[in-house]
C-alpha atoms as a PDB file:
ATOM      1  CA  MET A   1      22.479  68.930 223.428  1.00  0.00           C
ATOM      2  CA  CYS A   2      20.204  69.524 226.407  1.00  0.00           C
ATOM      3  CA  ARG A   3      16.824  67.960 226.965  1.00  0.00           C
ATOM      4  CA  ARG A   4      14.932  71.127 226.126  1.00  0.00           C
ATOM      5  CA  GLU A   5      16.684  71.463 222.750  1.00  0.00           C
ATOM      6  CA  ILE A   6      15.820  67.849 221.941  1.00  0.00           C
ATOM      7  CA  GLY A   7      12.187  68.516 222.816  1.00  0.00           C
ATOM      8  CA  ILE A   8      12.053  71.636 220.640  1.00  0.00           C
ATOM      9  CA  SER A   9      13.640  69.806 217.728  1.00  0.00           C
ATOM     10  CA  LEU A  10      11.235  66.875 218.028  1.00  0.00           C
ATOM     11  CA  GLY A  11       8.291  69.243 218.468  1.00  0.00           C
ATOM     12  CA  LEU A  12       9.201  71.126 215.307  1.00  0.00           C
ATOM     13  CA  GLY A  13       9.235  67.893 213.328  1.00  0.00           C
ATOM     14  CA  MET A  14      12.926  67.016 213.121  1.00  0.00           C
ATOM     15  CA  PRO A  15      13.271  63.289 212.477  1.00  0.00           C
ATOM     16  CA  ALA A  16      14.371  61.261 215.489  1.00  0.00           C
ATOM     17  CA  TRP A  17      17.234  59.680 213.521  1.00  0.00           C
ATOM     18  CA  HIS A  18      18.645  63.152 212.831  1.00  0.00           C
ATOM     19  CA  ILE A  19      18.698  63.988 216.526  1.00  0.00           C
ATOM     20  CA  ALA A  20      20.106  60.546 217.331  1.00  0.00           C
ATOM     21  CA  MET A  21      22.998  61.076 214.893  1.00  0.00           C
ATOM     22  CA  GLN A  22      24.047  64.310 216.600  1.00  0.00           C
ATOM     23  CA  PHE A  23      25.153  62.499 219.753  1.00  0.00           C
ATOM     24  CA  PRO A  24      27.617  60.039 218.165  1.00  0.00           C
ATOM     25  CA  LEU A  25      28.949  62.722 215.812  1.00  0.00           C
ATOM     26  CA  GLU A  26      29.649  65.120 218.669  1.00  0.00           C
ATOM     27  CA  ALA A  27      31.226  62.316 220.686  1.00  0.00           C
ATOM     28  CA  MET A  28      33.373  61.307 217.697  1.00  0.00           C
ATOM     29  CA  LEU A  29      34.577  64.881 217.266  1.00  0.00           C
ATOM     30  CA  LEU A  30      35.502  65.069 220.942  1.00  0.00           C
ATOM     31  CA  GLY A  31      37.288  61.699 220.658  1.00  0.00           C
ATOM     32  CA  ILE A  32      39.318  62.906 217.675  1.00  0.00           C
ATOM     33  CA  VAL A  33      40.283  66.167 219.379  1.00  0.00           C
ATOM     34  CA  GLY A  34      41.152  64.349 222.603  1.00  0.00           C
ATOM     35  CA  GLY A  35      43.191  61.769 220.703  1.00  0.00           C
ATOM     36  CA  LEU A  36      45.113  64.454 218.826  1.00  0.00           C
ATOM     37  CA  ALA A  37      45.792  66.403 222.019  1.00  0.00           C
ATOM     38  CA  GLY A  38      46.915  63.279 223.871  1.00  0.00           C
ATOM     39  CA  MET A  39      49.085  62.217 220.959  1.00  0.00           C
ATOM     40  CA  ALA A  40      50.734  65.647 220.808  1.00  0.00           C
ATOM     41  CA  VAL A  41      51.395  65.814 224.559  1.00  0.00           C
ATOM     42  CA  GLY A  42      52.674  62.235 224.649  1.00  0.00           C
ATOM     43  CA  ALA A  43      54.993  62.817 221.687  1.00  0.00           C
ATOM     44  CA  LEU A  44      56.297  66.017 223.261  1.00  0.00           C
ATOM     45  CA  ILE A  45      57.037  64.297 226.566  1.00  0.00           C
ATOM     46  CA  ALA A  46      58.704  61.390 224.764  1.00  0.00           C
ATOM     47  CA  ALA A  47      60.822  63.781 222.684  1.00  0.00           C
ATOM     48  CA  VAL A  48      61.959  65.726 225.750  1.00  0.00           C
ATOM     49  CA  LEU A  49      62.835  62.562 227.645  1.00  0.00           C
ATOM     50  CA  ALA A  50      64.685  61.129 224.655  1.00  0.00           C
ATOM     51  CA  MET A  51      66.643  64.357 224.276  1.00  0.00           C
ATOM     52  CA  LEU A  52      67.535  64.496 227.986  1.00  0.00           C
ATOM     53  CA  LEU A  53      68.660  60.865 228.033  1.00  0.00           C
ATOM     54  CA  GLY A  54      70.516  61.087 224.722  1.00  0.00           C
ATOM     55  CA  TRP A  55      68.307  58.552 222.970  1.00  0.00           C
ATOM     56  CA  PRO A  56      67.087  58.850 219.407  1.00  0.00           C
ATOM     57  CA  PHE A  57      63.479  59.997 219.213  1.00  0.00           C
ATOM     58  CA  MET A  58      61.240  57.762 217.146  1.00  0.00           C
ATOM     59  CA  LEU A  59      57.482  57.329 217.121  1.00  0.00           C
ATOM     60  CA  PRO A  60      55.938  54.211 215.622  1.00  0.00           C
ATOM     61  CA  TRP A  61      53.414  54.692 212.827  1.00  0.00           C
ATOM     62  CA  THR A  62      50.737  53.139 215.033  1.00  0.00           C
ATOM     63  CA  VAL A  63      50.643  56.359 217.058  1.00  0.00           C
ATOM     64  CA  MET A  64      48.658  57.840 214.172  1.00  0.00           C
ATOM     65  CA  LEU A  65      45.820  55.441 215.009  1.00  0.00           C
ATOM     66  CA  VAL A  66      45.137  57.213 218.309  1.00  0.00           C
ATOM     67  CA  PRO A  67      42.628  59.744 216.856  1.00  0.00           C
ATOM     68  CA  VAL A  68      40.891  56.954 214.930  1.00  0.00           C
ATOM     69  CA  VAL A  69      40.484  54.904 218.093  1.00  0.00           C
ATOM     70  CA  GLY A  70      39.293  58.035 219.905  1.00  0.00           C
ATOM     71  CA  ALA A  71      36.627  58.558 217.247  1.00  0.00           C
ATOM     72  CA  MET A  72      35.466  54.938 217.519  1.00  0.00           C
ATOM     73  CA  VAL A  73      35.262  55.074 221.306  1.00  0.00           C
ATOM     74  CA  GLY A  74      33.351  58.352 221.082  1.00  0.00           C
ATOM     75  CA  ALA A  75      30.884  56.912 218.572  1.00  0.00           C
ATOM     76  CA  VAL A  76      30.192  53.892 220.755  1.00  0.00           C
ATOM     77  CA  GLY A  77      29.854  56.081 223.845  1.00  0.00           C
ATOM     78  CA  GLY A  78      27.461  58.437 222.089  1.00  0.00           C
ATOM     79  CA  CYS A  79      25.034  55.734 220.988  1.00  0.00           C
ATOM     80  CA  VAL A  80      23.361  55.125 224.362  1.00  0.00           C
ATOM     81  CA  PRO A  81      22.383  58.775 224.983  1.00  0.00           C
ATOM     82  CA  ALA A  82      21.229  59.031 221.371  1.00  0.00           C
ATOM     83  CA  ILE A  83      18.863  56.099 221.719  1.00  0.00           C
ATOM     84  CA  GLN A  84      17.564  57.383 225.055  1.00  0.00           C
ATOM     85  CA  ALA A  85      16.968  60.879 223.691  1.00  0.00           C
ATOM     86  CA  THR A  86      14.809  59.749 220.816  1.00  0.00           C
ATOM     87  CA  ARG A  87      12.543  57.564 222.954  1.00  0.00           C
ATOM     88  CA  ILE A  88      11.325  60.376 225.213  1.00  0.00           C
ATOM     89  CA  ASN A  89       8.044  62.177 224.581  1.00  0.00           C
ATOM     90  CA  PRO A  90       8.730  65.723 223.243  1.00  0.00           C
ATOM     91  CA  ALA A  91       6.184  67.208 225.665  1.00  0.00           C
ATOM     92  CA  GLU A  92       8.125  65.794 228.620  1.00  0.00           C
ATOM     93  CA  LEU A  93      11.357  67.235 227.271  1.00  0.00           C
ATOM     94  CA  LEU A  94       9.826  70.692 226.856  1.00  0.00           C
ATOM     95  CA  ARG A  95       8.524  70.661 230.453  1.00  0.00           C
ATOM     96  CA  SER A  96      11.945  69.738 231.890  1.00  0.00           C
ATOM     97  CA  THR A  97      14.440  72.388 232.878  1.00  0.00           C
END
């Protein structure tokens, strides 16, 4: 969400908490998608290597926690921009490019 969109939303009366929640939610979604993609690529590489070396391919159940951890990291990372965005005057945000 760019600064101008935040300013428009605040100017139209959207509550600051609603705007603040958008940042962690977007970051969580990106963390989940990134975790799933990384898990898939890592499992594929491990499966190919296991097949080439003649080893049995097994993934521990803890691998399924990767998207959950990605979501938590995204939520924590999205909190700082969310707090900063809601503390700015809407008029300043509308003037910025």
